[in-house]
Amino acid sequence: KWKLHLLEPSEKWAGKQPVVEALLNTKPTTPLPWLYDLSADIGETHNVADANPKIVRQLRKLALSFNSRLSTEIRLAYIGK
């Protein structure tokens, strides 16, 4: 239901898609983080972070925990001959 942006999307983030990434054209003018309720706003047009600080804190905590695990538990990809 929720999507949290902790970093601002960029052309590099969107990749070199043949179609322009919609979010790049509709970035909020408010400071990060941005929170969207995808069940009500699939287009990510209404930042609801200020109205949902508890959700922002919960998702940020999960993201930081996951990022920490990625950094410490990263495994090299298998490269066959």
C-alpha atoms as a PDB file:
ATOM      1  CA  LYS A   1       0.000   0.000   0.000  1.00  0.00           C
ATOM      2  CA  TRP A   2       2.773   2.453   0.915  1.00  0.00           C
ATOM      3  CA  LYS A   3       5.768   3.599  -1.097  1.00  0.00           C
ATOM      4  CA  LEU A   4       8.465   5.747   0.490  1.00  0.00           C
ATOM      5  CA  HIS A   5      11.094   7.693  -1.448  1.00  0.00           C
ATOM      6  CA  LEU A   6      14.180   8.425   0.617  1.00  0.00           C
ATOM      7  CA  LEU A   7      16.220   9.571  -2.377  1.00  0.00           C
ATOM      8  CA  GLU A   8      15.110  11.770  -5.237  1.00  0.00           C
ATOM      9  CA  PRO A   9      14.614   9.808  -8.479  1.00  0.00           C
ATOM     10  CA  SER A  10      16.891  10.792 -11.330  1.00  0.00           C
ATOM     11  CA  GLU A  11      17.440   9.914 -14.970  1.00  0.00           C
ATOM     12  CA  LYS A  12      20.106   7.432 -13.818  1.00  0.00           C
ATOM     13  CA  TRP A  13      17.576   5.828 -11.434  1.00  0.00           C
ATOM     14  CA  ALA A  14      14.937   5.565 -14.153  1.00  0.00           C
ATOM     15  CA  GLY A  15      17.348   4.059 -16.632  1.00  0.00           C
ATOM     16  CA  LYS A  16      17.399   4.801 -20.326  1.00  0.00           C
ATOM     17  CA  GLN A  17      13.792   3.893 -20.958  1.00  0.00           C
ATOM     18  CA  PRO A  18      12.191   4.611 -24.341  1.00  0.00           C
ATOM     19  CA  VAL A  19       9.289   6.194 -22.432  1.00  0.00           C
ATOM     20  CA  VAL A  20       9.954   9.135 -20.116  1.00  0.00           C
ATOM     21  CA  GLU A  21       9.613   8.095 -16.458  1.00  0.00           C
ATOM     22  CA  ALA A  22       6.454   9.833 -15.264  1.00  0.00           C
ATOM     23  CA  LEU A  23       7.717  10.507 -11.733  1.00  0.00           C
ATOM     24  CA  LEU A  24      10.640  12.538 -13.044  1.00  0.00           C
ATOM     25  CA  ASN A  25       8.156  15.068 -14.402  1.00  0.00           C
ATOM     26  CA  THR A  26       6.018  15.230 -11.252  1.00  0.00           C
ATOM     27  CA  LYS A  27       8.496  15.361  -8.378  1.00  0.00           C
ATOM     28  CA  PRO A  28       7.066  17.088  -5.314  1.00  0.00           C
ATOM     29  CA  THR A  29       8.468  20.448  -4.321  1.00  0.00           C
ATOM     30  CA  THR A  30       8.478  19.324  -0.679  1.00  0.00           C
ATOM     31  CA  PRO A  31      11.646  17.962   0.908  1.00  0.00           C
ATOM     32  CA  LEU A  32      12.244  14.225   1.104  1.00  0.00           C
ATOM     33  CA  PRO A  33      11.022  11.769   2.221  1.00  0.00           C
ATOM     34  CA  TRP A  34       7.999  11.373  -0.043  1.00  0.00           C
ATOM     35  CA  LEU A  35       5.268   8.918   0.889  1.00  0.00           C
ATOM     36  CA  TYR A  36       2.551   7.653  -1.428  1.00  0.00           C
ATOM     37  CA  ASP A  37      -0.528   5.543  -0.743  1.00  0.00           C
ATOM     38  CA  LEU A  38      -0.484   3.392  -3.871  1.00  0.00           C
ATOM     39  CA  SER A  39      -3.944   1.982  -3.166  1.00  0.00           C
ATOM     40  CA  ALA A  40      -5.383   5.482  -3.657  1.00  0.00           C
ATOM     41  CA  ASP A  41      -2.694   7.152  -5.804  1.00  0.00           C
ATOM     42  CA  ILE A  42      -1.001   4.735  -8.201  1.00  0.00           C
ATOM     43  CA  GLY A  43       0.432   7.674 -10.156  1.00  0.00           C
ATOM     44  CA  GLU A  44       2.321   8.963  -7.097  1.00  0.00           C
ATOM     45  CA  THR A  45       0.908  12.462  -7.425  1.00  0.00           C
ATOM     46  CA  HIS A  46       0.094  13.264  -3.768  1.00  0.00           C
ATOM     47  CA  ASN A  47       2.887  13.185  -1.205  1.00  0.00           C
ATOM     48  CA  VAL A  48       1.253  12.188   2.103  1.00  0.00           C
ATOM     49  CA  ALA A  49       4.391  12.043   4.271  1.00  0.00           C
ATOM     50  CA  ASP A  50       3.413  14.966   6.500  1.00  0.00           C
ATOM     51  CA  ALA A  51       0.044  13.394   7.258  1.00  0.00           C
ATOM     52  CA  ASN A  52       1.585   9.978   8.078  1.00  0.00           C
ATOM     53  CA  PRO A  53       4.770  10.503  10.136  1.00  0.00           C
ATOM     54  CA  LYS A  54       4.412   7.130  11.883  1.00  0.00           C
ATOM     55  CA  ILE A  55       4.341   5.263   8.550  1.00  0.00           C
ATOM     56  CA  VAL A  56       7.360   7.266   7.365  1.00  0.00           C
ATOM     57  CA  ARG A  57       9.292   6.318  10.524  1.00  0.00           C
ATOM     58  CA  GLN A  58       8.357   2.629  10.191  1.00  0.00           C
ATOM     59  CA  LEU A  59       9.287   2.407   6.518  1.00  0.00           C
ATOM     60  CA  ARG A  60      12.518   4.370   7.008  1.00  0.00           C
ATOM     61  CA  LYS A  61      13.510   1.997   9.813  1.00  0.00           C
ATOM     62  CA  LEU A  62      12.814  -1.027   7.586  1.00  0.00           C
ATOM     63  CA  ALA A  63      14.745   0.510   4.679  1.00  0.00           C
ATOM     64  CA  LEU A  64      17.783   1.319   6.828  1.00  0.00           C
ATOM     65  CA  SER A  65      17.756  -2.168   8.334  1.00  0.00           C
ATOM     66  CA  PHE A  66      17.522  -3.770   4.905  1.00  0.00           C
ATOM     67  CA  ASN A  67      20.290  -1.530   3.553  1.00  0.00           C
ATOM     68  CA  SER A  68      22.527  -2.479   6.480  1.00  0.00           C
ATOM     69  CA  ARG A  69      21.948  -6.181   5.815  1.00  0.00           C
ATOM     70  CA  LEU A  70      22.735  -5.713   2.128  1.00  0.00           C
ATOM     71  CA  SER A  71      26.019  -4.037   3.017  1.00  0.00           C
ATOM     72  CA  THR A  72      27.104  -6.714   5.502  1.00  0.00           C
ATOM     73  CA  GLU A  73      25.656  -9.821   3.881  1.00  0.00           C
ATOM     74  CA  ILE A  74      26.346  -9.124   0.213  1.00  0.00           C
ATOM     75  CA  ARG A  75      27.392 -12.152  -1.763  1.00  0.00           C
ATOM     76  CA  LEU A  76      29.368 -12.142  -4.976  1.00  0.00           C
ATOM     77  CA  ALA A  77      27.432 -13.270  -8.001  1.00  0.00           C
ATOM     78  CA  TYR A  78      28.484 -16.636  -9.408  1.00  0.00           C
ATOM     79  CA  ILE A  79      30.368 -16.268 -12.661  1.00  0.00           C
ATOM     80  CA  GLY A  80      30.565 -19.512 -14.606  1.00  0.00           C
ATOM     81  CA  LYS A  81      33.312 -20.314 -17.088  1.00  0.00           C
END
